[in-house]
Amino acid sequence: MKYVSADQTATRIVTDRQWIHRNELSMGMLVVELDVPWEQTSFMFQGFRIDSAEQLRQVQQECEYALIQSEKVAKVNRDNPLRLCGFVKGKTKLVWDHPSR
């Protein structure tokens, strides 16, 4: 495993979207799409953050799967902007390399 010192990294925000089952939903998640058309739900807006237990129950009743968007802070090796790194106990651990094209 290759480790990179902190002074060789830069911070990037990485956005991820993932379909999850309604039983995996929790408060604070950002719902960007449902497996049913928005017009067939009681939600006023297309896309929202789950802010209450009642809203969580409502989403779970109206769909089977929801597309959740999350943002994570990633460390990028300054020598190679395509190389993403993640933290491991105070060190920066290489977790993904962009394949050469």
Foldseek 3Di string as FASTA:
>chain_A
DDWDAPVQKDKDKDKDKDKDFLVPDDAQWKFQFFPDDPVPAPDPDRIDGRHDPVSSVRNNVPGGITITMDIDMWIAGNVDRQFTWPDDPNIIHGDDHDDDD
